[in-house]
């Protein structure tokens, strides 16, 4: 149905299946199964982090370790 074919007073909610509310609740339950502790700890403030690592060690060290397993 195109927007130009809509008549005043037509209710587009009739196009939805009867179970749409239950479907949306199920989708939310799948997407947010529990409390987000990481989001709670981080909060809403913008922060900066620095990752420290050993210099001179290339990425091939890790690759050789996984190749041995």
Foldseek 3Di string as FASTA:
>chain_A
DDPVPDDPPDDCVVVDDPCPVVVVVVVVCVVDVDDDVVCVVVDDDDDDDDDDDDPPDDPVVVVVVVVVD
